[in-house]
Amino acid sequence: MNAPASTFPGSLDPQALIRTYIRAKDENRPHLMAHAFAADATLEMTVKSEAITFPARSEGLATISDVLVRRFGQSYDNVYTFCLAEAPPAADAQRYGCDWLVGMTDKASGGVRVGCGSYAWEFSGQDGARRVQALTIVIEAMEVLPADAAQQVLDGWLARLPYPWSTASHVCAQAPAVAQLAPALAYLRSSAAQGSR
């Protein structure tokens, strides 16, 4: 389920950059962030949930790596992040947007968290110098489930999805019948019905 070795650190097209970011975050490997983000990259975050907090703006590779990988990895493990769209088709793409789904466990409580929202990526450079220049993340929902939901959510659902690219319709169709997932799934269904990005 890890990103194929051929996508790192070789080709640096937008698809490889996003895969590298997901691998850095999900596997708690901050050293990979330098292979995805420009040194002067920016991160903007809008959080519409009280279940998780992030700074609204972060500037520079070191700060972004700290926010999205190091500090995140101190709190969460068993992380699965999915981009819910076709992978970026063009090597020279400057922008890419998609919805996302994440599932993970809280290290302190053992509880499960499932969230969703949107990504907006901007890329700079070309060939070997291509990097993520700006990333905007909107967290639309972040649901908190008890620890006993871990097997059903992680093993029975997230670990079985195509990774890291899937579709909102597939994610929703495979989701377990867990009431706490309803807000996140409602957002994804609505987004899919609108032909999200």
N, C-alpha and C. Protein backbone atom coordinates (compact mmCIF):
# COMPACT_ATOMS: atom_id res chain seq x y z
N MET A 1 0.82 -1.19 0.00
CA MET A 1 0.00 0.00 0.00
C MET A 1 0.86 1.25 0.00
N ASN A 2 2.18 1.14 0.17
CA ASN A 2 3.04 2.30 0.11
C ASN A 2 3.18 2.77 -1.32
N ALA A 3 3.59 4.04 -1.49
CA ALA A 3 3.83 4.54 -2.83
C ALA A 3 4.96 3.73 -3.47
N PRO A 4 4.81 3.41 -4.77
CA PRO A 4 5.86 2.64 -5.43
C PRO A 4 7.18 3.39 -5.37
N ALA A 5 8.27 2.62 -5.27
CA ALA A 5 9.59 3.24 -5.16
C ALA A 5 9.88 4.14 -6.35
N SER A 6 9.30 3.84 -7.53
CA SER A 6 9.59 4.60 -8.73
C SER A 6 9.10 6.04 -8.65
N THR A 7 8.21 6.34 -7.72
CA THR A 7 7.71 7.71 -7.62
C THR A 7 8.56 8.54 -6.67
N PHE A 8 9.57 7.94 -6.05
CA PHE A 8 10.42 8.70 -5.13
C PHE A 8 11.82 8.11 -5.09
N PRO A 9 12.87 8.92 -5.24
CA PRO A 9 12.80 10.36 -5.49
C PRO A 9 12.94 10.70 -6.96
N GLY A 10 12.56 9.80 -7.86
CA GLY A 10 12.76 10.01 -9.29
C GLY A 10 11.86 11.07 -9.90
N SER A 11 10.84 10.65 -10.63
CA SER A 11 10.00 11.62 -11.33
C SER A 11 9.29 12.53 -10.33
N LEU A 12 9.25 13.81 -10.67
CA LEU A 12 8.66 14.79 -9.77
C LEU A 12 7.48 15.49 -10.44
N ASP A 13 6.65 14.71 -11.12
CA ASP A 13 5.42 15.27 -11.68
C ASP A 13 4.44 15.47 -10.52
N PRO A 14 3.34 16.22 -10.74
CA PRO A 14 2.40 16.49 -9.65
C PRO A 14 1.90 15.22 -8.93
N GLN A 15 1.66 14.16 -9.69
CA GLN A 15 1.18 12.93 -9.06
C GLN A 15 2.22 12.39 -8.07
N ALA A 16 3.49 12.40 -8.47
CA ALA A 16 4.55 11.90 -7.58
C ALA A 16 4.71 12.79 -6.36
N LEU A 17 4.58 14.10 -6.54
CA LEU A 17 4.70 15.02 -5.42
C LEU A 17 3.61 14.77 -4.38
N ILE A 18 2.38 14.57 -4.85
CA ILE A 18 1.28 14.32 -3.92
C ILE A 18 1.46 12.97 -3.23
N ARG A 19 1.88 11.97 -3.97
CA ARG A 19 2.16 10.66 -3.36
C ARG A 19 3.23 10.77 -2.28
N THR A 20 4.26 11.57 -2.57
CA THR A 20 5.35 11.74 -1.60
C THR A 20 4.84 12.42 -0.34
N TYR A 21 4.01 13.44 -0.50
CA TYR A 21 3.42 14.10 0.67
C TYR A 21 2.59 13.12 1.49
N ILE A 22 1.74 12.34 0.83
CA ILE A 22 0.89 11.39 1.56
C ILE A 22 1.74 10.36 2.28
N ARG A 23 2.78 9.91 1.62
CA ARG A 23 3.67 8.93 2.27
C ARG A 23 4.36 9.56 3.49
N ALA A 24 4.81 10.81 3.35
CA ALA A 24 5.46 11.48 4.47
C ALA A 24 4.52 11.59 5.66
N LYS A 25 3.28 11.98 5.41
CA LYS A 25 2.32 12.18 6.49
C LYS A 25 1.84 10.86 7.07
N ASP A 26 1.40 9.95 6.21
CA ASP A 26 0.82 8.70 6.69
C ASP A 26 1.84 7.82 7.39
N GLU A 27 3.10 7.87 6.94
CA GLU A 27 4.13 7.00 7.50
C GLU A 27 5.03 7.74 8.50
N ASN A 28 4.70 9.01 8.79
CA ASN A 28 5.48 9.83 9.73
C ASN A 28 6.95 9.86 9.33
N ARG A 29 7.19 10.33 8.09
CA ARG A 29 8.54 10.44 7.56
C ARG A 29 8.78 11.88 7.10
N PRO A 30 9.05 12.79 8.02
CA PRO A 30 9.20 14.20 7.65
C PRO A 30 10.32 14.47 6.66
N HIS A 31 11.33 13.61 6.61
CA HIS A 31 12.43 13.86 5.67
C HIS A 31 11.96 13.85 4.22
N LEU A 32 10.84 13.17 3.94
CA LEU A 32 10.33 13.13 2.57
C LEU A 32 9.71 14.45 2.12
N MET A 33 9.35 15.30 3.06
CA MET A 33 8.67 16.54 2.70
C MET A 33 9.54 17.43 1.81
N ALA A 34 10.85 17.38 1.96
CA ALA A 34 11.74 18.18 1.11
C ALA A 34 11.68 17.74 -0.34
N HIS A 35 11.20 16.53 -0.59
CA HIS A 35 11.06 16.03 -1.95
C HIS A 35 9.68 16.35 -2.53
N ALA A 36 8.83 17.01 -1.74
CA ALA A 36 7.49 17.36 -2.20
C ALA A 36 7.26 18.87 -2.22
N PHE A 37 7.74 19.58 -1.20
CA PHE A 37 7.42 21.00 -1.03
C PHE A 37 8.64 21.89 -1.29
N ALA A 38 8.37 23.05 -1.89
CA ALA A 38 9.40 24.06 -2.07
C ALA A 38 9.82 24.62 -0.72
N ALA A 39 11.05 25.13 -0.65
CA ALA A 39 11.55 25.67 0.61
C ALA A 39 10.70 26.82 1.12
N ASP A 40 10.11 27.60 0.18
CA ASP A 40 9.29 28.75 0.56
C ASP A 40 7.80 28.50 0.36
N ALA A 41 7.39 27.25 0.42
CA ALA A 41 5.98 26.90 0.22
C ALA A 41 5.10 27.50 1.31
N THR A 42 3.81 27.59 1.02
CA THR A 42 2.84 28.07 2.01
C THR A 42 1.72 27.05 2.17
N LEU A 43 1.18 27.01 3.37
CA LEU A 43 0.06 26.12 3.71
C LEU A 43 -1.04 26.96 4.35
N GLU A 44 -2.23 26.89 3.77
CA GLU A 44 -3.41 27.56 4.34
C GLU A 44 -4.39 26.47 4.77
N MET A 45 -4.96 26.62 5.98
CA MET A 45 -5.90 25.61 6.46
C MET A 45 -7.16 26.26 7.01
N THR A 46 -8.29 25.72 6.61
CA THR A 46 -9.58 26.12 7.14
C THR A 46 -10.18 24.90 7.83
N VAL A 47 -10.42 25.00 9.12
CA VAL A 47 -10.92 23.87 9.90
C VAL A 47 -12.35 24.14 10.34
N LYS A 48 -13.28 23.31 9.86
CA LYS A 48 -14.70 23.48 10.17
C LYS A 48 -15.17 22.45 11.18
N SER A 49 -14.27 22.02 12.03
CA SER A 49 -14.59 21.02 13.05
C SER A 49 -13.86 21.39 14.33
N GLU A 50 -14.50 21.11 15.46
CA GLU A 50 -13.87 21.35 16.75
C GLU A 50 -13.07 20.14 17.23
N ALA A 51 -13.06 19.07 16.43
CA ALA A 51 -12.41 17.83 16.85
C ALA A 51 -10.91 17.81 16.56
N ILE A 52 -10.42 18.82 15.82
CA ILE A 52 -8.99 18.84 15.48
C ILE A 52 -8.59 20.29 15.24
N THR A 53 -7.34 20.62 15.51
CA THR A 53 -6.88 22.00 15.33
C THR A 53 -5.58 22.04 14.53
N PHE A 54 -5.46 23.08 13.71
CA PHE A 54 -4.25 23.36 12.95
C PHE A 54 -4.11 24.87 12.85
N PRO A 55 -2.89 25.38 12.70
CA PRO A 55 -2.74 26.81 12.45
C PRO A 55 -3.34 27.18 11.10
N ALA A 56 -3.86 28.40 10.99
CA ALA A 56 -4.51 28.84 9.76
C ALA A 56 -3.51 29.00 8.62
N ARG A 57 -2.29 29.39 8.93
CA ARG A 57 -1.29 29.60 7.88
C ARG A 57 0.08 29.16 8.39
N SER A 58 0.81 28.48 7.54
CA SER A 58 2.18 28.07 7.83
C SER A 58 3.04 28.40 6.63
N GLU A 59 4.24 28.89 6.88
CA GLU A 59 5.14 29.30 5.81
C GLU A 59 6.47 28.59 5.92
N GLY A 60 6.94 28.08 4.78
CA GLY A 60 8.24 27.44 4.72
C GLY A 60 8.19 25.94 4.95
N LEU A 61 9.12 25.25 4.30
CA LEU A 61 9.17 23.80 4.37
C LEU A 61 9.26 23.28 5.80
N ALA A 62 10.13 23.86 6.61
CA ALA A 62 10.34 23.35 7.97
C ALA A 62 9.07 23.44 8.80
N THR A 63 8.39 24.57 8.72
CA THR A 63 7.16 24.76 9.50
C THR A 63 6.05 23.84 9.00
N ILE A 64 5.90 23.74 7.69
CA ILE A 64 4.86 22.87 7.12
C ILE A 64 5.12 21.42 7.51
N SER A 65 6.38 20.99 7.45
CA SER A 65 6.71 19.62 7.83
C SER A 65 6.40 19.37 9.30
N ASP A 66 6.63 20.37 10.13
CA ASP A 66 6.34 20.25 11.55
C ASP A 66 4.84 20.09 11.79
N VAL A 67 4.05 20.93 11.09
CA VAL A 67 2.59 20.91 11.27
C VAL A 67 1.96 19.64 10.73
N LEU A 68 2.30 19.28 9.50
CA LEU A 68 1.60 18.19 8.81
C LEU A 68 2.17 16.80 9.09
N VAL A 69 3.41 16.73 9.57
CA VAL A 69 4.02 15.42 9.77
C VAL A 69 4.47 15.21 11.22
N ARG A 70 5.41 16.03 11.70
CA ARG A 70 5.97 15.77 13.03
C ARG A 70 4.92 15.85 14.13
N ARG A 71 4.24 16.99 14.23
CA ARG A 71 3.25 17.14 15.30
C ARG A 71 2.06 16.21 15.08
N PHE A 72 1.66 16.08 13.83
CA PHE A 72 0.56 15.17 13.50
C PHE A 72 0.91 13.75 13.92
N GLY A 73 2.15 13.34 13.63
CA GLY A 73 2.59 11.99 13.96
C GLY A 73 2.74 11.74 15.45
N GLN A 74 2.88 12.81 16.23
CA GLN A 74 2.94 12.66 17.69
C GLN A 74 1.58 12.26 18.25
N SER A 75 0.51 12.65 17.55
CA SER A 75 -0.84 12.41 18.06
C SER A 75 -1.55 11.23 17.42
N TYR A 76 -1.21 10.92 16.16
CA TYR A 76 -1.99 9.93 15.42
C TYR A 76 -1.10 8.87 14.78
N ASP A 77 -1.66 7.66 14.66
CA ASP A 77 -1.01 6.60 13.90
C ASP A 77 -2.06 5.83 13.10
N ASN A 78 -1.61 4.81 12.39
CA ASN A 78 -2.51 4.05 11.50
C ASN A 78 -3.24 4.98 10.55
N VAL A 79 -2.49 5.89 9.93
CA VAL A 79 -3.08 6.94 9.09
C VAL A 79 -3.25 6.45 7.66
N TYR A 80 -4.43 6.69 7.10
CA TYR A 80 -4.73 6.42 5.70
C TYR A 80 -5.30 7.70 5.09
N THR A 81 -4.63 8.25 4.08
CA THR A 81 -5.10 9.45 3.40
C THR A 81 -5.39 9.12 1.94
N PHE A 82 -6.55 9.55 1.47
CA PHE A 82 -6.97 9.27 0.10
C PHE A 82 -7.31 10.56 -0.62
N CYS A 83 -6.86 10.69 -1.87
CA CYS A 83 -7.32 11.74 -2.76
C CYS A 83 -8.49 11.16 -3.55
N LEU A 84 -9.61 11.85 -3.53
CA LEU A 84 -10.84 11.30 -4.13
C LEU A 84 -11.08 11.91 -5.51
N ALA A 85 -10.22 11.55 -6.43
CA ALA A 85 -10.31 12.04 -7.81
C ALA A 85 -9.29 11.28 -8.64
N GLU A 86 -9.34 11.49 -9.95
CA GLU A 86 -8.30 10.95 -10.81
C GLU A 86 -6.99 11.65 -10.46
N ALA A 87 -5.89 10.93 -10.53
CA ALA A 87 -4.58 11.54 -10.29
C ALA A 87 -4.31 12.61 -11.34
N PRO A 88 -3.50 13.62 -11.02
CA PRO A 88 -3.20 14.67 -11.99
C PRO A 88 -2.69 14.07 -13.29
N PRO A 89 -3.31 14.40 -14.43
CA PRO A 89 -2.96 13.74 -15.69
C PRO A 89 -1.73 14.30 -16.38
N ALA A 90 -1.43 15.58 -16.16
CA ALA A 90 -0.38 16.22 -16.94
C ALA A 90 0.85 16.51 -16.09
N ALA A 91 2.02 16.17 -16.64
CA ALA A 91 3.26 16.41 -15.92
C ALA A 91 3.50 17.90 -15.70
N ASP A 92 2.94 18.74 -16.59
CA ASP A 92 3.17 20.18 -16.47
C ASP A 92 2.01 20.91 -15.80
N ALA A 93 1.13 20.18 -15.11
CA ALA A 93 -0.01 20.81 -14.43
C ALA A 93 0.50 21.81 -13.40
N GLN A 94 -0.13 22.96 -13.34
CA GLN A 94 0.22 23.99 -12.37
C GLN A 94 -0.68 23.95 -11.14
N ARG A 95 -1.90 23.43 -11.32
CA ARG A 95 -2.86 23.38 -10.21
C ARG A 95 -3.62 22.06 -10.25
N TYR A 96 -4.06 21.64 -9.07
CA TYR A 96 -4.83 20.40 -8.98
C TYR A 96 -5.70 20.49 -7.73
N GLY A 97 -6.95 20.12 -7.83
CA GLY A 97 -7.85 20.13 -6.69
C GLY A 97 -8.58 18.81 -6.57
N CYS A 98 -8.85 18.41 -5.35
CA CYS A 98 -9.60 17.18 -5.12
C CYS A 98 -10.13 17.16 -3.70
N ASP A 99 -11.13 16.34 -3.47
CA ASP A 99 -11.56 16.06 -2.11
C ASP A 99 -10.63 15.00 -1.52
N TRP A 100 -10.66 14.87 -0.21
CA TRP A 100 -9.82 13.88 0.46
C TRP A 100 -10.59 13.23 1.60
N LEU A 101 -10.11 12.07 1.99
CA LEU A 101 -10.62 11.33 3.14
C LEU A 101 -9.42 10.88 3.95
N VAL A 102 -9.50 10.99 5.28
CA VAL A 102 -8.45 10.47 6.13
C VAL A 102 -9.06 9.67 7.27
N GLY A 103 -8.39 8.61 7.65
CA GLY A 103 -8.76 7.83 8.82
C GLY A 103 -7.52 7.54 9.62
N MET A 104 -7.64 7.48 10.95
CA MET A 104 -6.47 7.28 11.80
C MET A 104 -6.92 6.94 13.21
N THR A 105 -5.96 6.56 14.03
CA THR A 105 -6.25 6.33 15.44
C THR A 105 -5.49 7.34 16.29
N ASP A 106 -6.12 7.73 17.39
CA ASP A 106 -5.54 8.66 18.35
C ASP A 106 -4.61 7.87 19.27
N LYS A 107 -3.34 8.25 19.32
CA LYS A 107 -2.38 7.50 20.13
C LYS A 107 -2.73 7.51 21.61
N ALA A 108 -3.28 8.62 22.08
CA ALA A 108 -3.56 8.74 23.51
C ALA A 108 -4.77 7.92 23.94
N SER A 109 -5.84 7.96 23.15
CA SER A 109 -7.09 7.33 23.56
C SER A 109 -7.38 6.02 22.86
N GLY A 110 -6.75 5.79 21.71
CA GLY A 110 -7.07 4.61 20.92
C GLY A 110 -8.29 4.81 20.05
N GLY A 111 -8.96 5.97 20.19
CA GLY A 111 -10.15 6.26 19.40
C GLY A 111 -9.82 6.44 17.93
N VAL A 112 -10.85 6.35 17.11
CA VAL A 112 -10.70 6.46 15.66
C VAL A 112 -11.20 7.82 15.22
N ARG A 113 -10.50 8.41 14.26
CA ARG A 113 -10.96 9.67 13.67
C ARG A 113 -11.06 9.49 12.17
N VAL A 114 -12.14 9.99 11.62
CA VAL A 114 -12.35 9.96 10.17
C VAL A 114 -12.75 11.36 9.75
N GLY A 115 -12.00 11.91 8.81
CA GLY A 115 -12.27 13.27 8.36
C GLY A 115 -12.28 13.36 6.85
N CYS A 116 -12.77 14.49 6.36
CA CYS A 116 -12.79 14.72 4.92
C CYS A 116 -12.80 16.22 4.65
N GLY A 117 -12.49 16.56 3.41
CA GLY A 117 -12.47 17.96 3.02
C GLY A 117 -11.91 18.08 1.62
N SER A 118 -11.20 19.17 1.37
CA SER A 118 -10.68 19.41 0.02
C SER A 118 -9.23 19.87 0.06
N TYR A 119 -8.53 19.55 -1.01
CA TYR A 119 -7.16 20.01 -1.26
C TYR A 119 -7.17 20.93 -2.47
N ALA A 120 -6.36 21.97 -2.45
CA ALA A 120 -6.05 22.77 -3.64
C ALA A 120 -4.54 22.93 -3.68
N TRP A 121 -3.92 22.34 -4.71
CA TRP A 121 -2.46 22.31 -4.85
C TRP A 121 -2.02 23.29 -5.92
N GLU A 122 -0.88 23.92 -5.69
CA GLU A 122 -0.21 24.73 -6.72
C GLU A 122 1.24 24.29 -6.79
N PHE A 123 1.72 24.11 -8.03
CA PHE A 123 3.07 23.60 -8.25
C PHE A 123 3.94 24.66 -8.91
N SER A 124 5.24 24.59 -8.63
CA SER A 124 6.19 25.51 -9.25
C SER A 124 7.37 24.71 -9.79
N GLY A 125 8.14 25.36 -10.65
CA GLY A 125 9.32 24.71 -11.20
C GLY A 125 8.98 23.69 -12.27
N GLN A 126 9.99 23.01 -12.75
CA GLN A 126 9.79 21.99 -13.75
C GLN A 126 10.92 20.98 -13.67
N ASP A 127 10.73 19.86 -14.35
CA ASP A 127 11.71 18.78 -14.34
C ASP A 127 12.09 18.42 -12.90
N GLY A 128 13.38 18.32 -12.61
CA GLY A 128 13.81 17.90 -11.28
C GLY A 128 13.57 18.90 -10.19
N ALA A 129 13.23 20.15 -10.56
CA ALA A 129 13.02 21.19 -9.55
C ALA A 129 11.56 21.40 -9.20
N ARG A 130 10.67 20.62 -9.77
CA ARG A 130 9.23 20.81 -9.51
C ARG A 130 8.91 20.49 -8.06
N ARG A 131 8.12 21.36 -7.42
CA ARG A 131 7.70 21.15 -6.04
C ARG A 131 6.31 21.74 -5.83
N VAL A 132 5.71 21.39 -4.69
CA VAL A 132 4.46 22.02 -4.27
C VAL A 132 4.81 23.42 -3.75
N GLN A 133 4.20 24.43 -4.35
CA GLN A 133 4.45 25.81 -3.93
C GLN A 133 3.44 26.29 -2.90
N ALA A 134 2.21 25.82 -3.04
CA ALA A 134 1.16 26.22 -2.09
C ALA A 134 0.15 25.09 -1.97
N LEU A 135 -0.35 24.91 -0.77
CA LEU A 135 -1.39 23.91 -0.51
C LEU A 135 -2.43 24.55 0.39
N THR A 136 -3.68 24.44 -0.04
CA THR A 136 -4.81 24.87 0.78
C THR A 136 -5.61 23.64 1.17
N ILE A 137 -5.80 23.45 2.47
CA ILE A 137 -6.56 22.31 2.98
C ILE A 137 -7.78 22.83 3.72
N VAL A 138 -8.95 22.33 3.33
CA VAL A 138 -10.19 22.62 4.06
C VAL A 138 -10.63 21.32 4.73
N ILE A 139 -10.81 21.38 6.04
CA ILE A 139 -11.34 20.23 6.79
C ILE A 139 -12.82 20.47 7.00
N GLU A 140 -13.65 19.74 6.27
CA GLU A 140 -15.10 19.91 6.33
C GLU A 140 -15.71 19.17 7.52
N ALA A 141 -15.14 18.02 7.84
CA ALA A 141 -15.68 17.20 8.93
C ALA A 141 -14.56 16.38 9.53
N MET A 142 -14.64 16.14 10.84
CA MET A 142 -13.71 15.25 11.53
C MET A 142 -14.51 14.54 12.61
N GLU A 143 -14.80 13.27 12.36
CA GLU A 143 -15.65 12.50 13.27
C GLU A 143 -14.81 11.69 14.24
N VAL A 144 -15.24 11.63 15.48
CA VAL A 144 -14.53 10.89 16.53
C VAL A 144 -15.33 9.65 16.88
N LEU A 145 -14.71 8.49 16.73
CA LEU A 145 -15.34 7.21 17.00
C LEU A 145 -14.61 6.51 18.13
N PRO A 146 -15.27 5.60 18.83
CA PRO A 146 -14.62 4.89 19.93
C PRO A 146 -13.57 3.92 19.44
N ALA A 147 -12.70 3.51 20.35
CA ALA A 147 -11.60 2.62 20.00
C ALA A 147 -12.10 1.29 19.44
N ASP A 148 -13.26 0.83 19.88
CA ASP A 148 -13.74 -0.46 19.39
C ASP A 148 -14.22 -0.42 17.94
N ALA A 149 -14.20 0.76 17.32
CA ALA A 149 -14.55 0.87 15.91
C ALA A 149 -13.33 0.70 15.00
N ALA A 150 -12.15 0.58 15.59
CA ALA A 150 -10.91 0.56 14.81
C ALA A 150 -10.87 -0.57 13.78
N GLN A 151 -11.21 -1.78 14.21
CA GLN A 151 -11.12 -2.90 13.27
C GLN A 151 -12.09 -2.72 12.11
N GLN A 152 -13.31 -2.31 12.41
CA GLN A 152 -14.32 -2.15 11.37
C GLN A 152 -13.94 -1.03 10.39
N VAL A 153 -13.42 0.08 10.93
CA VAL A 153 -13.10 1.23 10.08
C VAL A 153 -11.78 1.05 9.35
N LEU A 154 -10.75 0.64 10.08
CA LEU A 154 -9.42 0.54 9.47
C LEU A 154 -9.27 -0.73 8.64
N ASP A 155 -9.43 -1.88 9.27
CA ASP A 155 -9.23 -3.15 8.56
C ASP A 155 -10.35 -3.46 7.57
N GLY A 156 -11.57 -3.19 7.99
CA GLY A 156 -12.71 -3.56 7.16
C GLY A 156 -13.04 -2.58 6.06
N TRP A 157 -12.50 -1.36 6.14
CA TRP A 157 -12.87 -0.33 5.16
C TRP A 157 -11.63 0.33 4.54
N LEU A 158 -10.92 1.14 5.31
CA LEU A 158 -9.86 1.97 4.73
C LEU A 158 -8.73 1.14 4.13
N ALA A 159 -8.33 0.07 4.79
CA ALA A 159 -7.22 -0.75 4.28
C ALA A 159 -7.58 -1.47 2.98
N ARG A 160 -8.86 -1.51 2.65
CA ARG A 160 -9.31 -2.21 1.45
C ARG A 160 -9.55 -1.28 0.26
N LEU A 161 -9.44 0.03 0.48
CA LEU A 161 -9.69 1.00 -0.58
C LEU A 161 -8.46 1.17 -1.46
N PRO A 162 -8.64 1.52 -2.75
CA PRO A 162 -7.49 1.86 -3.59
C PRO A 162 -6.75 3.04 -2.97
N TYR A 163 -5.42 2.96 -2.91
CA TYR A 163 -4.61 3.93 -2.17
C TYR A 163 -3.46 4.44 -3.03
N PRO A 164 -3.23 5.74 -3.07
CA PRO A 164 -3.95 6.80 -2.35
C PRO A 164 -5.06 7.47 -3.16
N TRP A 165 -5.29 7.03 -4.43
CA TRP A 165 -6.38 7.64 -5.21
C TRP A 165 -7.58 6.71 -5.23
N SER A 166 -8.73 7.29 -4.90
CA SER A 166 -9.98 6.56 -4.95
C SER A 166 -11.05 7.53 -5.45
N THR A 167 -12.31 7.21 -5.24
CA THR A 167 -13.40 8.12 -5.60
C THR A 167 -14.36 8.22 -4.43
N ALA A 168 -15.05 9.35 -4.34
CA ALA A 168 -16.01 9.52 -3.26
C ALA A 168 -17.10 8.47 -3.32
N SER A 169 -17.56 8.14 -4.53
CA SER A 169 -18.64 7.16 -4.66
C SER A 169 -18.19 5.78 -4.17
N HIS A 170 -16.95 5.40 -4.48
CA HIS A 170 -16.45 4.10 -4.04
C HIS A 170 -16.26 4.08 -2.53
N VAL A 171 -15.70 5.16 -1.99
CA VAL A 171 -15.49 5.26 -0.55
C VAL A 171 -16.82 5.12 0.20
N CYS A 172 -17.83 5.83 -0.28
CA CYS A 172 -19.13 5.80 0.39
C CYS A 172 -19.80 4.43 0.26
N ALA A 173 -19.65 3.81 -0.91
CA ALA A 173 -20.27 2.51 -1.14
C ALA A 173 -19.67 1.43 -0.24
N GLN A 174 -18.39 1.57 0.10
CA GLN A 174 -17.71 0.56 0.90
C GLN A 174 -17.74 0.87 2.40
N ALA A 175 -18.25 2.03 2.77
CA ALA A 175 -18.20 2.46 4.18
C ALA A 175 -19.03 1.55 5.07
N PRO A 176 -18.56 1.28 6.28
CA PRO A 176 -19.34 0.46 7.22
C PRO A 176 -20.54 1.24 7.75
N ALA A 177 -21.50 0.51 8.27
CA ALA A 177 -22.71 1.13 8.80
C ALA A 177 -22.45 1.61 10.22
N VAL A 178 -21.72 2.72 10.32
CA VAL A 178 -21.38 3.31 11.61
C VAL A 178 -21.99 4.70 11.65
N ALA A 179 -22.87 4.94 12.59
CA ALA A 179 -23.64 6.18 12.61
C ALA A 179 -22.76 7.42 12.66
N GLN A 180 -21.64 7.35 13.38
CA GLN A 180 -20.79 8.53 13.53
C GLN A 180 -20.14 8.97 12.22
N LEU A 181 -20.13 8.12 11.22
CA LEU A 181 -19.55 8.47 9.93
C LEU A 181 -20.49 9.30 9.06
N ALA A 182 -21.74 9.43 9.46
CA ALA A 182 -22.76 10.04 8.61
C ALA A 182 -22.40 11.45 8.12
N PRO A 183 -21.91 12.37 8.97
CA PRO A 183 -21.60 13.71 8.45
C PRO A 183 -20.51 13.71 7.38
N ALA A 184 -19.47 12.94 7.59
CA ALA A 184 -18.39 12.89 6.60
C ALA A 184 -18.88 12.28 5.30
N LEU A 185 -19.63 11.21 5.39
CA LEU A 185 -20.14 10.56 4.18
C LEU A 185 -21.14 11.45 3.45
N ALA A 186 -21.92 12.21 4.20
CA ALA A 186 -22.88 13.13 3.57
C ALA A 186 -22.14 14.18 2.75
N TYR A 187 -21.05 14.71 3.29
CA TYR A 187 -20.26 15.68 2.54
C TYR A 187 -19.72 15.05 1.26
N LEU A 188 -19.16 13.85 1.36
CA LEU A 188 -18.56 13.20 0.20
C LEU A 188 -19.61 12.86 -0.85
N ARG A 189 -20.79 12.41 -0.43
CA ARG A 189 -21.86 12.11 -1.37
C ARG A 189 -22.32 13.36 -2.09
N SER A 190 -22.47 14.45 -1.34
CA SER A 190 -22.88 15.71 -1.94
C SER A 190 -21.84 16.21 -2.93
N SER A 191 -20.58 16.09 -2.56
CA SER A 191 -19.50 16.52 -3.43
C SER A 191 -19.46 15.69 -4.70
N ALA A 192 -19.63 14.37 -4.56
CA ALA A 192 -19.63 13.48 -5.72
C ALA A 192 -20.80 13.79 -6.64
N ALA A 193 -21.96 14.09 -6.05
CA ALA A 193 -23.15 14.41 -6.86
C ALA A 193 -22.97 15.69 -7.65
N GLN A 194 -22.14 16.59 -7.14
CA GLN A 194 -21.87 17.85 -7.83
C GLN A 194 -20.72 17.72 -8.82
N GLY A 195 -20.21 16.50 -8.96
CA GLY A 195 -19.10 16.29 -9.88
C GLY A 195 -17.84 16.95 -9.37
N SER A 196 -17.53 16.71 -8.11
CA SER A 196 -16.42 17.40 -7.44
C SER A 196 -15.13 17.35 -8.25
N ARG A 197 -14.64 18.52 -8.56
CA ARG A 197 -13.36 18.71 -9.20
C ARG A 197 -13.02 17.61 -10.18
